[in-house]
Amino acid sequence: MDASDEVLVRRYKESRRAHPLSPEGRVEDGIHREREILKNIKSKSDYVIDTSNLLTRELRQELIRIFQDNKHYNSLMINVMSFGFKYGIPADADLVFDVRFLPNPYYIDSLKHLTGNDTPVQEYVESFPQTKQFMEKLQDMITFLIPYYVKEGKNQLVIAIGCTGGQHRSVTLANDLYGRLKDKGDYGIKLYHRDIRNDSMRK
């Protein structure tokens, strides 16, 4: 199991523990030494699971999928994320898609305070032919790219879908993409709506 340097530093700080390889120094130095020591082992590993964005239950599900269900595993975790451009593009995003070209439910009174997790918003956003066409092209492209990311040894792929506030369009399409990709390949997948609460709080 692995995680990004930023996440590891945060975990050490939260646990108030020093890194064993740098007990008197900086946690970052210990992490760097640890990566050097384990470099050869990681290169020979059958499975590499990036736990940076995994909850405990999600890690458990991945371990069950590999060792209990005996499913083939490509060591790739896909994170489908919705976000609002006005809150900034996610720093860890590998692929960013702007769906602000779609009509905005925010300007419809009955939908304004709902989100893309609500059926009326989903039905509105998905009622436009360009939505269906975009999702079909997006699914086709992601499906094409995944094997090449796996081949290059990528452990985590963050797909970020953004609209203005991260409440309506991006949430709807992130849910759609997650549904299209879930259980379709030998990879883990999770869904995260980064900014859905930000605009929801403005009710």
N, C-alpha and C. Protein backbone atom coordinates (compact mmCIF):
# COMPACT_ATOMS: atom_id res chain seq x y z
N MET A 1 0.84 -1.20 0.00
CA MET A 1 0.00 0.00 0.00
C MET A 1 0.87 1.24 0.00
N ASP A 2 0.40 2.27 -0.70
CA ASP A 2 1.16 3.51 -0.84
C ASP A 2 0.22 4.69 -0.66
N ALA A 3 0.80 5.89 -0.57
CA ALA A 3 0.02 7.13 -0.48
C ALA A 3 0.94 8.26 -0.89
N SER A 4 0.35 9.40 -1.23
CA SER A 4 1.16 10.55 -1.62
C SER A 4 1.92 11.10 -0.42
N ASP A 5 3.00 11.84 -0.69
CA ASP A 5 3.79 12.42 0.39
C ASP A 5 2.94 13.33 1.27
N GLU A 6 2.07 14.14 0.62
CA GLU A 6 1.25 15.08 1.38
C GLU A 6 0.33 14.35 2.36
N VAL A 7 -0.27 13.26 1.90
CA VAL A 7 -1.18 12.49 2.75
C VAL A 7 -0.42 11.83 3.89
N LEU A 8 0.76 11.28 3.59
CA LEU A 8 1.55 10.62 4.62
C LEU A 8 1.98 11.61 5.70
N VAL A 9 2.41 12.79 5.28
CA VAL A 9 2.80 13.82 6.26
C VAL A 9 1.62 14.16 7.16
N ARG A 10 0.44 14.32 6.56
CA ARG A 10 -0.75 14.66 7.34
C ARG A 10 -1.08 13.55 8.34
N ARG A 11 -0.94 12.30 7.90
CA ARG A 11 -1.26 11.18 8.79
C ARG A 11 -0.30 11.11 9.97
N TYR A 12 0.97 11.37 9.70
CA TYR A 12 1.94 11.37 10.80
C TYR A 12 1.64 12.50 11.78
N LYS A 13 1.27 13.66 11.25
CA LYS A 13 0.98 14.79 12.13
C LYS A 13 -0.27 14.53 12.96
N GLU A 14 -1.27 13.90 12.34
CA GLU A 14 -2.50 13.61 13.07
C GLU A 14 -2.27 12.58 14.17
N SER A 15 -1.38 11.63 13.92
CA SER A 15 -1.08 10.60 14.93
C SER A 15 -0.03 11.06 15.94
N ARG A 16 0.60 12.22 15.64
CA ARG A 16 1.64 12.79 16.51
C ARG A 16 2.80 11.83 16.72
N ARG A 17 3.14 11.13 15.66
CA ARG A 17 4.26 10.18 15.71
C ARG A 17 5.38 10.64 14.79
N ALA A 18 6.60 10.35 15.19
CA ALA A 18 7.76 10.64 14.34
C ALA A 18 7.94 9.50 13.35
N HIS A 19 8.53 9.80 12.20
CA HIS A 19 8.80 8.74 11.24
C HIS A 19 9.97 7.90 11.76
N PRO A 20 9.86 6.57 11.74
CA PRO A 20 10.92 5.70 12.27
C PRO A 20 12.29 5.93 11.64
N LEU A 21 12.30 6.39 10.37
CA LEU A 21 13.58 6.60 9.69
C LEU A 21 14.09 8.02 9.86
N SER A 22 13.33 8.83 10.58
CA SER A 22 13.77 10.19 10.86
C SER A 22 13.19 10.63 12.22
N PRO A 23 13.55 9.91 13.27
CA PRO A 23 12.95 10.17 14.59
C PRO A 23 13.25 11.55 15.15
N GLU A 24 14.38 12.13 14.76
CA GLU A 24 14.77 13.43 15.29
C GLU A 24 14.62 14.55 14.24
N GLY A 25 14.23 14.16 13.04
CA GLY A 25 14.17 15.14 11.95
C GLY A 25 12.78 15.30 11.38
N ARG A 26 12.73 15.72 10.11
CA ARG A 26 11.47 15.99 9.45
C ARG A 26 10.83 14.70 8.94
N VAL A 27 9.50 14.67 9.01
CA VAL A 27 8.77 13.51 8.51
C VAL A 27 9.05 13.31 7.02
N GLU A 28 9.14 14.42 6.27
CA GLU A 28 9.40 14.32 4.83
C GLU A 28 10.69 13.58 4.53
N ASP A 29 11.72 13.79 5.35
CA ASP A 29 13.00 13.09 5.14
C ASP A 29 12.85 11.60 5.36
N GLY A 30 12.08 11.23 6.37
CA GLY A 30 11.84 9.81 6.64
C GLY A 30 11.08 9.14 5.51
N ILE A 31 10.09 9.84 4.98
CA ILE A 31 9.30 9.30 3.87
C ILE A 31 10.18 9.08 2.65
N HIS A 32 11.08 10.06 2.38
CA HIS A 32 11.98 9.94 1.23
C HIS A 32 12.89 8.72 1.39
N ARG A 33 13.45 8.53 2.58
CA ARG A 33 14.33 7.37 2.83
C ARG A 33 13.54 6.07 2.69
N GLU A 34 12.33 6.08 3.19
CA GLU A 34 11.49 4.88 3.11
C GLU A 34 11.20 4.51 1.65
N ARG A 35 10.92 5.50 0.83
CA ARG A 35 10.64 5.23 -0.58
C ARG A 35 11.87 4.65 -1.28
N GLU A 36 13.05 5.15 -0.95
CA GLU A 36 14.28 4.63 -1.55
C GLU A 36 14.50 3.17 -1.15
N ILE A 37 14.26 2.86 0.12
CA ILE A 37 14.47 1.50 0.62
C ILE A 37 13.50 0.51 -0.02
N LEU A 38 12.26 0.96 -0.21
CA LEU A 38 11.21 0.07 -0.71
C LEU A 38 11.04 0.11 -2.23
N LYS A 39 11.88 0.87 -2.91
CA LYS A 39 11.73 1.05 -4.36
C LYS A 39 11.74 -0.28 -5.11
N ASN A 40 12.69 -1.13 -4.81
CA ASN A 40 12.79 -2.42 -5.51
C ASN A 40 11.62 -3.34 -5.18
N ILE A 41 11.21 -3.31 -3.92
CA ILE A 41 10.08 -4.15 -3.52
C ILE A 41 8.81 -3.70 -4.25
N LYS A 42 8.61 -2.40 -4.34
CA LYS A 42 7.41 -1.88 -5.02
C LYS A 42 7.41 -2.27 -6.49
N SER A 43 8.59 -2.23 -7.12
CA SER A 43 8.67 -2.55 -8.55
C SER A 43 8.34 -4.03 -8.82
N LYS A 44 8.51 -4.89 -7.81
CA LYS A 44 8.25 -6.32 -7.97
C LYS A 44 6.89 -6.74 -7.42
N SER A 45 6.14 -5.78 -6.88
CA SER A 45 4.86 -6.10 -6.25
C SER A 45 3.80 -6.51 -7.27
N ASP A 46 2.96 -7.45 -6.89
CA ASP A 46 1.83 -7.84 -7.73
C ASP A 46 0.71 -6.82 -7.66
N TYR A 47 0.54 -6.21 -6.50
CA TYR A 47 -0.52 -5.23 -6.30
C TYR A 47 0.03 -3.99 -5.61
N VAL A 48 -0.37 -2.82 -6.10
CA VAL A 48 -0.04 -1.55 -5.45
C VAL A 48 -1.34 -0.78 -5.31
N ILE A 49 -1.72 -0.52 -4.07
CA ILE A 49 -2.97 0.19 -3.80
C ILE A 49 -2.65 1.56 -3.22
N ASP A 50 -3.05 2.60 -3.91
CA ASP A 50 -2.85 3.96 -3.42
C ASP A 50 -4.00 4.29 -2.46
N THR A 51 -3.68 4.50 -1.20
CA THR A 51 -4.71 4.74 -0.18
C THR A 51 -4.94 6.22 0.08
N SER A 52 -4.35 7.10 -0.73
CA SER A 52 -4.42 8.55 -0.48
C SER A 52 -5.84 9.04 -0.29
N ASN A 53 -6.76 8.57 -1.12
CA ASN A 53 -8.14 9.06 -1.07
C ASN A 53 -9.14 7.97 -0.69
N LEU A 54 -8.64 6.91 -0.06
CA LEU A 54 -9.52 5.81 0.31
C LEU A 54 -9.94 5.90 1.77
N LEU A 55 -11.23 5.69 2.00
CA LEU A 55 -11.71 5.52 3.37
C LEU A 55 -11.39 4.10 3.80
N THR A 56 -11.42 3.82 5.09
CA THR A 56 -11.10 2.49 5.59
C THR A 56 -11.99 1.43 4.96
N ARG A 57 -13.28 1.72 4.87
CA ARG A 57 -14.21 0.74 4.28
C ARG A 57 -13.93 0.51 2.80
N GLU A 58 -13.47 1.56 2.10
CA GLU A 58 -13.15 1.42 0.67
C GLU A 58 -11.90 0.58 0.48
N LEU A 59 -10.91 0.74 1.37
CA LEU A 59 -9.72 -0.09 1.32
C LEU A 59 -10.10 -1.54 1.57
N ARG A 60 -10.97 -1.76 2.52
CA ARG A 60 -11.44 -3.12 2.82
C ARG A 60 -12.11 -3.74 1.60
N GLN A 61 -12.93 -2.96 0.90
CA GLN A 61 -13.61 -3.46 -0.29
C GLN A 61 -12.61 -3.86 -1.38
N GLU A 62 -11.54 -3.05 -1.52
CA GLU A 62 -10.53 -3.37 -2.52
C GLU A 62 -9.79 -4.66 -2.17
N LEU A 63 -9.46 -4.83 -0.89
CA LEU A 63 -8.76 -6.05 -0.45
C LEU A 63 -9.64 -7.28 -0.65
N ILE A 64 -10.93 -7.13 -0.36
CA ILE A 64 -11.86 -8.24 -0.57
C ILE A 64 -11.96 -8.58 -2.05
N ARG A 65 -12.00 -7.54 -2.88
CA ARG A 65 -12.11 -7.74 -4.33
C ARG A 65 -10.92 -8.51 -4.87
N ILE A 66 -9.74 -8.22 -4.33
CA ILE A 66 -8.53 -8.86 -4.83
C ILE A 66 -8.35 -10.27 -4.27
N PHE A 67 -8.41 -10.39 -2.93
CA PHE A 67 -8.00 -11.63 -2.29
C PHE A 67 -9.15 -12.58 -1.95
N GLN A 68 -10.37 -12.07 -1.83
CA GLN A 68 -11.50 -12.94 -1.53
C GLN A 68 -12.27 -13.30 -2.78
N ASP A 69 -12.54 -12.29 -3.61
CA ASP A 69 -13.31 -12.53 -4.83
C ASP A 69 -12.42 -12.99 -5.99
N ASN A 70 -11.10 -12.93 -5.77
CA ASN A 70 -10.12 -13.38 -6.77
C ASN A 70 -10.29 -12.69 -8.13
N LYS A 71 -10.61 -11.40 -8.08
CA LYS A 71 -10.75 -10.64 -9.32
C LYS A 71 -9.40 -10.12 -9.76
N HIS A 72 -9.20 -10.10 -11.08
CA HIS A 72 -7.96 -9.56 -11.61
C HIS A 72 -7.86 -8.08 -11.24
N TYR A 73 -6.66 -7.63 -10.92
CA TYR A 73 -6.50 -6.27 -10.42
C TYR A 73 -5.33 -5.60 -11.13
N ASN A 74 -5.58 -4.39 -11.63
CA ASN A 74 -4.55 -3.66 -12.37
C ASN A 74 -3.89 -2.56 -11.56
N SER A 75 -4.14 -2.55 -10.24
CA SER A 75 -3.53 -1.56 -9.34
C SER A 75 -3.89 -0.13 -9.72
N LEU A 76 -5.04 0.07 -10.36
CA LEU A 76 -5.48 1.41 -10.72
C LEU A 76 -6.75 1.76 -9.96
N MET A 77 -6.71 2.90 -9.25
CA MET A 77 -7.90 3.41 -8.59
C MET A 77 -8.36 4.66 -9.34
N ILE A 78 -9.59 4.63 -9.84
CA ILE A 78 -10.15 5.76 -10.57
C ILE A 78 -11.03 6.58 -9.62
N ASN A 79 -10.77 7.86 -9.55
CA ASN A 79 -11.58 8.76 -8.74
C ASN A 79 -12.34 9.69 -9.68
N VAL A 80 -13.66 9.57 -9.71
CA VAL A 80 -14.51 10.46 -10.49
C VAL A 80 -14.98 11.57 -9.56
N MET A 81 -14.66 12.80 -9.89
CA MET A 81 -14.92 13.92 -8.99
C MET A 81 -15.70 15.04 -9.70
N SER A 82 -16.70 15.57 -9.02
CA SER A 82 -17.36 16.78 -9.51
C SER A 82 -16.81 17.95 -8.72
N PHE A 83 -16.79 19.13 -9.35
CA PHE A 83 -16.28 20.32 -8.66
C PHE A 83 -16.85 21.58 -9.30
N GLY A 84 -16.69 22.69 -8.63
CA GLY A 84 -17.12 23.99 -9.15
C GLY A 84 -15.91 24.82 -9.52
N PHE A 85 -15.90 25.36 -10.73
CA PHE A 85 -14.75 26.15 -11.19
C PHE A 85 -14.50 27.36 -10.30
N LYS A 86 -15.56 27.92 -9.72
CA LYS A 86 -15.36 29.12 -8.90
C LYS A 86 -14.64 28.80 -7.59
N TYR A 87 -14.51 27.51 -7.27
CA TYR A 87 -13.76 27.12 -6.08
C TYR A 87 -12.37 26.58 -6.44
N GLY A 88 -12.03 26.64 -7.71
CA GLY A 88 -10.71 26.21 -8.16
C GLY A 88 -10.70 24.81 -8.72
N ILE A 89 -9.81 24.58 -9.68
CA ILE A 89 -9.64 23.25 -10.28
C ILE A 89 -8.90 22.35 -9.29
N PRO A 90 -9.35 21.12 -9.07
CA PRO A 90 -8.68 20.21 -8.14
C PRO A 90 -7.21 20.03 -8.50
N ALA A 91 -6.34 20.20 -7.52
CA ALA A 91 -4.90 20.15 -7.76
C ALA A 91 -4.44 18.77 -8.18
N ASP A 92 -5.15 17.72 -7.78
CA ASP A 92 -4.71 16.36 -8.07
C ASP A 92 -5.39 15.78 -9.31
N ALA A 93 -6.14 16.60 -10.06
CA ALA A 93 -6.86 16.10 -11.23
C ALA A 93 -5.90 15.74 -12.36
N ASP A 94 -6.13 14.56 -12.96
CA ASP A 94 -5.36 14.15 -14.14
C ASP A 94 -6.08 14.58 -15.42
N LEU A 95 -7.38 14.47 -15.41
CA LEU A 95 -8.20 14.85 -16.56
C LEU A 95 -9.30 15.79 -16.08
N VAL A 96 -9.46 16.93 -16.72
CA VAL A 96 -10.46 17.92 -16.32
C VAL A 96 -11.41 18.18 -17.49
N PHE A 97 -12.71 18.09 -17.20
CA PHE A 97 -13.71 18.32 -18.24
C PHE A 97 -14.67 19.42 -17.79
N ASP A 98 -14.87 20.40 -18.67
CA ASP A 98 -15.71 21.56 -18.38
C ASP A 98 -17.09 21.33 -19.00
N VAL A 99 -18.12 21.22 -18.15
CA VAL A 99 -19.47 20.97 -18.68
C VAL A 99 -20.36 22.21 -18.57
N ARG A 100 -19.73 23.38 -18.51
CA ARG A 100 -20.50 24.62 -18.45
C ARG A 100 -21.16 24.95 -19.79
N PHE A 101 -20.93 24.14 -20.82
CA PHE A 101 -21.60 24.36 -22.10
C PHE A 101 -23.05 23.87 -22.06
N LEU A 102 -23.41 23.13 -21.01
CA LEU A 102 -24.77 22.64 -20.87
C LEU A 102 -25.66 23.68 -20.17
N PRO A 103 -26.96 23.72 -20.47
CA PRO A 103 -27.87 24.65 -19.80
C PRO A 103 -27.80 24.46 -18.27
N ASN A 104 -27.85 25.56 -17.55
CA ASN A 104 -27.64 25.54 -16.10
C ASN A 104 -28.97 25.49 -15.34
N PRO A 105 -29.20 24.41 -14.58
CA PRO A 105 -30.44 24.30 -13.78
C PRO A 105 -30.54 25.36 -12.69
N TYR A 106 -29.44 26.00 -12.38
CA TYR A 106 -29.43 27.01 -11.32
C TYR A 106 -30.43 28.13 -11.60
N TYR A 107 -30.69 28.40 -12.87
CA TYR A 107 -31.56 29.51 -13.26
C TYR A 107 -33.04 29.10 -13.34
N ILE A 108 -33.33 27.87 -12.93
CA ILE A 108 -34.72 27.42 -12.86
C ILE A 108 -35.09 27.33 -11.38
N ASP A 109 -36.10 28.10 -10.98
CA ASP A 109 -36.43 28.24 -9.56
C ASP A 109 -36.65 26.90 -8.86
N SER A 110 -37.33 25.97 -9.52
CA SER A 110 -37.65 24.69 -8.88
C SER A 110 -36.42 23.78 -8.74
N LEU A 111 -35.35 24.09 -9.45
CA LEU A 111 -34.15 23.25 -9.43
C LEU A 111 -32.97 23.92 -8.72
N LYS A 112 -33.06 25.21 -8.54
CA LYS A 112 -31.94 26.01 -8.05
C LYS A 112 -31.32 25.46 -6.77
N HIS A 113 -32.13 25.04 -5.82
CA HIS A 113 -31.61 24.60 -4.54
C HIS A 113 -31.50 23.09 -4.41
N LEU A 114 -31.69 22.39 -5.53
CA LEU A 114 -31.45 20.94 -5.57
C LEU A 114 -30.03 20.70 -6.06
N THR A 115 -29.65 19.45 -6.17
CA THR A 115 -28.32 19.10 -6.67
C THR A 115 -28.44 18.00 -7.73
N GLY A 116 -27.31 17.67 -8.32
CA GLY A 116 -27.27 16.60 -9.32
C GLY A 116 -27.52 15.23 -8.74
N ASN A 117 -27.71 15.13 -7.43
CA ASN A 117 -28.11 13.87 -6.81
C ASN A 117 -29.63 13.73 -6.77
N ASP A 118 -30.33 14.80 -7.16
CA ASP A 118 -31.79 14.78 -7.17
C ASP A 118 -32.32 14.49 -8.57
N THR A 119 -33.34 13.65 -8.63
CA THR A 119 -33.89 13.21 -9.91
C THR A 119 -34.34 14.36 -10.83
N PRO A 120 -35.04 15.39 -10.34
CA PRO A 120 -35.46 16.47 -11.25
C PRO A 120 -34.29 17.15 -11.95
N VAL A 121 -33.19 17.35 -11.24
CA VAL A 121 -32.01 17.96 -11.85
C VAL A 121 -31.41 17.01 -12.89
N GLN A 122 -31.30 15.75 -12.53
CA GLN A 122 -30.74 14.76 -13.45
C GLN A 122 -31.56 14.69 -14.73
N GLU A 123 -32.88 14.68 -14.59
CA GLU A 123 -33.75 14.60 -15.76
C GLU A 123 -33.61 15.83 -16.65
N TYR A 124 -33.44 16.99 -16.02
CA TYR A 124 -33.28 18.22 -16.79
C TYR A 124 -31.96 18.22 -17.56
N VAL A 125 -30.86 17.94 -16.86
CA VAL A 125 -29.54 17.96 -17.50
C VAL A 125 -29.44 16.91 -18.60
N GLU A 126 -30.02 15.73 -18.35
CA GLU A 126 -29.91 14.64 -19.31
C GLU A 126 -30.93 14.74 -20.44
N SER A 127 -31.81 15.75 -20.39
CA SER A 127 -32.83 15.89 -21.43
C SER A 127 -32.28 16.48 -22.72
N PHE A 128 -31.07 17.03 -22.67
CA PHE A 128 -30.49 17.67 -23.84
C PHE A 128 -29.65 16.67 -24.64
N PRO A 129 -29.80 16.64 -25.95
CA PRO A 129 -29.06 15.67 -26.77
C PRO A 129 -27.55 15.81 -26.64
N GLN A 130 -27.06 17.04 -26.40
CA GLN A 130 -25.62 17.22 -26.28
C GLN A 130 -25.06 16.56 -25.01
N THR A 131 -25.92 16.39 -24.01
CA THR A 131 -25.48 15.70 -22.79
C THR A 131 -25.20 14.23 -23.09
N LYS A 132 -26.13 13.58 -23.74
CA LYS A 132 -25.96 12.17 -24.08
C LYS A 132 -24.76 11.98 -25.00
N GLN A 133 -24.63 12.86 -25.99
CA GLN A 133 -23.51 12.75 -26.93
C GLN A 133 -22.18 12.94 -26.22
N PHE A 134 -22.12 13.93 -25.33
CA PHE A 134 -20.89 14.18 -24.57
C PHE A 134 -20.53 12.98 -23.71
N MET A 135 -21.50 12.40 -23.01
CA MET A 135 -21.22 11.28 -22.12
C MET A 135 -20.76 10.05 -22.89
N GLU A 136 -21.33 9.83 -24.06
CA GLU A 136 -20.91 8.68 -24.87
C GLU A 136 -19.46 8.85 -25.34
N LYS A 137 -19.12 10.08 -25.75
CA LYS A 137 -17.75 10.35 -26.19
C LYS A 137 -16.78 10.29 -25.01
N LEU A 138 -17.21 10.79 -23.85
CA LEU A 138 -16.35 10.75 -22.67
C LEU A 138 -16.09 9.32 -22.23
N GLN A 139 -17.14 8.52 -22.18
CA GLN A 139 -16.97 7.12 -21.80
C GLN A 139 -16.04 6.39 -22.76
N ASP A 140 -16.21 6.66 -24.05
CA ASP A 140 -15.37 6.01 -25.06
C ASP A 140 -13.91 6.40 -24.87
N MET A 141 -13.65 7.67 -24.59
CA MET A 141 -12.27 8.12 -24.42
C MET A 141 -11.63 7.55 -23.16
N ILE A 142 -12.38 7.58 -22.04
CA ILE A 142 -11.84 7.05 -20.79
C ILE A 142 -11.56 5.56 -20.91
N THR A 143 -12.49 4.83 -21.53
CA THR A 143 -12.30 3.39 -21.73
C THR A 143 -11.07 3.12 -22.58
N PHE A 144 -10.83 3.97 -23.57
CA PHE A 144 -9.64 3.85 -24.42
C PHE A 144 -8.36 4.10 -23.63
N LEU A 145 -8.39 5.11 -22.74
CA LEU A 145 -7.18 5.53 -22.03
C LEU A 145 -6.76 4.59 -20.90
N ILE A 146 -7.73 3.99 -20.22
CA ILE A 146 -7.44 3.21 -19.01
C ILE A 146 -6.34 2.16 -19.22
N PRO A 147 -6.41 1.32 -20.25
CA PRO A 147 -5.37 0.29 -20.42
C PRO A 147 -3.97 0.89 -20.58
N TYR A 148 -3.88 2.06 -21.18
CA TYR A 148 -2.57 2.69 -21.38
C TYR A 148 -2.04 3.29 -20.07
N TYR A 149 -2.94 3.80 -19.24
CA TYR A 149 -2.51 4.27 -17.92
C TYR A 149 -2.01 3.10 -17.08
N VAL A 150 -2.71 1.98 -17.16
CA VAL A 150 -2.29 0.78 -16.43
C VAL A 150 -0.94 0.30 -16.92
N LYS A 151 -0.76 0.30 -18.24
CA LYS A 151 0.50 -0.14 -18.83
C LYS A 151 1.67 0.71 -18.37
N GLU A 152 1.43 2.00 -18.17
CA GLU A 152 2.47 2.92 -17.72
C GLU A 152 2.69 2.87 -16.21
N GLY A 153 1.93 2.01 -15.52
CA GLY A 153 2.12 1.83 -14.09
C GLY A 153 1.43 2.87 -13.22
N LYS A 154 0.44 3.58 -13.77
CA LYS A 154 -0.26 4.59 -12.99
C LYS A 154 -1.15 3.91 -11.95
N ASN A 155 -1.09 4.39 -10.70
CA ASN A 155 -1.87 3.79 -9.62
C ASN A 155 -3.19 4.50 -9.36
N GLN A 156 -3.24 5.80 -9.71
CA GLN A 156 -4.44 6.57 -9.43
C GLN A 156 -4.76 7.51 -10.59
N LEU A 157 -6.03 7.53 -10.98
CA LEU A 157 -6.49 8.41 -12.05
C LEU A 157 -7.65 9.25 -11.52
N VAL A 158 -7.47 10.56 -11.49
CA VAL A 158 -8.52 11.45 -11.00
C VAL A 158 -9.16 12.15 -12.20
N ILE A 159 -10.45 11.87 -12.41
CA ILE A 159 -11.22 12.46 -13.49
C ILE A 159 -12.13 13.52 -12.89
N ALA A 160 -11.87 14.78 -13.18
CA ALA A 160 -12.62 15.88 -12.58
C ALA A 160 -13.57 16.49 -13.60
N ILE A 161 -14.85 16.58 -13.23
CA ILE A 161 -15.87 17.17 -14.09
C ILE A 161 -16.39 18.42 -13.39
N GLY A 162 -16.26 19.57 -14.06
CA GLY A 162 -16.58 20.82 -13.41
C GLY A 162 -17.67 21.63 -14.08
N CYS A 163 -18.47 22.30 -13.27
CA CYS A 163 -19.41 23.31 -13.75
C CYS A 163 -19.17 24.56 -12.91
N THR A 164 -20.05 25.51 -12.94
CA THR A 164 -19.80 26.77 -12.25
C THR A 164 -19.66 26.60 -10.74
N GLY A 165 -20.69 26.01 -10.11
CA GLY A 165 -20.68 25.90 -8.66
C GLY A 165 -20.47 24.50 -8.12
N GLY A 166 -20.44 23.50 -9.00
CA GLY A 166 -20.23 22.13 -8.54
C GLY A 166 -21.43 21.53 -7.85
N GLN A 167 -22.62 21.99 -8.25
CA GLN A 167 -23.83 21.53 -7.59
C GLN A 167 -24.78 20.76 -8.50
N HIS A 168 -24.92 21.20 -9.76
CA HIS A 168 -25.93 20.62 -10.64
C HIS A 168 -25.33 19.75 -11.76
N ARG A 169 -24.80 20.43 -12.78
CA ARG A 169 -24.36 19.71 -13.99
C ARG A 169 -23.20 18.77 -13.74
N SER A 170 -22.19 19.23 -13.04
CA SER A 170 -21.01 18.38 -12.80
C SER A 170 -21.37 17.17 -11.95
N VAL A 171 -22.24 17.37 -10.97
CA VAL A 171 -22.66 16.25 -10.11
C VAL A 171 -23.43 15.22 -10.91
N THR A 172 -24.35 15.69 -11.74
CA THR A 172 -25.14 14.79 -12.58
C THR A 172 -24.25 13.96 -13.48
N LEU A 173 -23.31 14.60 -14.15
CA LEU A 173 -22.45 13.89 -15.11
C LEU A 173 -21.41 13.02 -14.43
N ALA A 174 -20.94 13.43 -13.26
CA ALA A 174 -20.01 12.59 -12.51
C ALA A 174 -20.71 11.31 -12.07
N ASN A 175 -21.96 11.45 -11.62
CA ASN A 175 -22.74 10.27 -11.26
C ASN A 175 -22.92 9.35 -12.45
N ASP A 176 -23.21 9.94 -13.60
CA ASP A 176 -23.43 9.17 -14.83
C ASP A 176 -22.15 8.42 -15.22
N LEU A 177 -21.01 9.13 -15.21
CA LEU A 177 -19.76 8.49 -15.60
C LEU A 177 -19.39 7.37 -14.63
N TYR A 178 -19.59 7.61 -13.35
CA TYR A 178 -19.31 6.58 -12.35
C TYR A 178 -20.15 5.33 -12.64
N GLY A 179 -21.43 5.53 -12.95
CA GLY A 179 -22.30 4.40 -13.26
C GLY A 179 -21.88 3.65 -14.51
N ARG A 180 -21.36 4.39 -15.49
CA ARG A 180 -20.93 3.76 -16.73
C ARG A 180 -19.64 2.95 -16.56
N LEU A 181 -18.78 3.39 -15.63
CA LEU A 181 -17.49 2.73 -15.46
C LEU A 181 -17.48 1.66 -14.37
N LYS A 182 -18.39 1.79 -13.42
CA LYS A 182 -18.41 0.86 -12.28
C LYS A 182 -18.61 -0.58 -12.74
N ASP A 183 -17.79 -1.46 -12.22
CA ASP A 183 -17.88 -2.90 -12.49
C ASP A 183 -17.66 -3.24 -13.97
N LYS A 184 -17.03 -2.31 -14.71
CA LYS A 184 -16.79 -2.55 -16.14
C LYS A 184 -15.35 -2.97 -16.43
N GLY A 185 -14.48 -2.91 -15.42
CA GLY A 185 -13.07 -3.22 -15.69
C GLY A 185 -12.36 -3.70 -14.45
N ASP A 186 -11.07 -4.02 -14.61
CA ASP A 186 -10.25 -4.54 -13.52
C ASP A 186 -9.57 -3.39 -12.79
N TYR A 187 -10.36 -2.52 -12.21
CA TYR A 187 -9.82 -1.38 -11.48
C TYR A 187 -10.81 -1.00 -10.38
N GLY A 188 -10.31 -0.27 -9.40
CA GLY A 188 -11.20 0.25 -8.37
C GLY A 188 -11.73 1.60 -8.81
N ILE A 189 -12.88 1.98 -8.29
CA ILE A 189 -13.46 3.27 -8.67
C ILE A 189 -14.26 3.85 -7.51
N LYS A 190 -14.17 5.16 -7.33
CA LYS A 190 -14.95 5.82 -6.29
C LYS A 190 -15.45 7.16 -6.82
N LEU A 191 -16.45 7.69 -6.16
CA LEU A 191 -17.13 8.91 -6.58
C LEU A 191 -17.07 9.94 -5.46
N TYR A 192 -16.76 11.20 -5.83
CA TYR A 192 -16.62 12.24 -4.82
C TYR A 192 -17.13 13.57 -5.38
N HIS A 193 -18.04 14.22 -4.64
CA HIS A 193 -18.56 15.53 -5.04
C HIS A 193 -17.91 16.59 -4.14
N ARG A 194 -16.86 17.22 -4.64
CA ARG A 194 -16.05 18.10 -3.80
C ARG A 194 -16.79 19.33 -3.30
N ASP A 195 -17.58 19.98 -4.16
CA ASP A 195 -18.13 21.29 -3.81
C ASP A 195 -19.64 21.30 -3.66
N ILE A 196 -20.25 20.15 -3.60
CA ILE A 196 -21.71 20.10 -3.57
C ILE A 196 -22.27 20.81 -2.36
N ARG A 197 -21.57 20.77 -1.25
CA ARG A 197 -22.05 21.44 -0.03
C ARG A 197 -21.86 22.94 -0.09
N ASN A 198 -20.86 23.38 -0.80
CA ASN A 198 -20.57 24.83 -0.85
C ASN A 198 -21.76 25.62 -1.36
N ASP A 199 -22.33 25.19 -2.49
CA ASP A 199 -23.47 25.92 -3.04
C ASP A 199 -24.76 25.54 -2.33
N SER A 200 -24.84 24.31 -1.81
CA SER A 200 -26.05 23.89 -1.10
C SER A 200 -26.24 24.70 0.17
N MET A 201 -25.14 25.17 0.73
CA MET A 201 -25.21 25.94 1.98
C MET A 201 -25.83 27.30 1.76
N ARG A 202 -26.00 27.70 0.49
CA ARG A 202 -26.51 29.05 0.20
C ARG A 202 -28.04 29.06 0.07
N LYS A 203 -28.70 27.99 0.47
CA LYS A 203 -30.16 27.94 0.37
C LYS A 203 -30.78 29.07 1.21
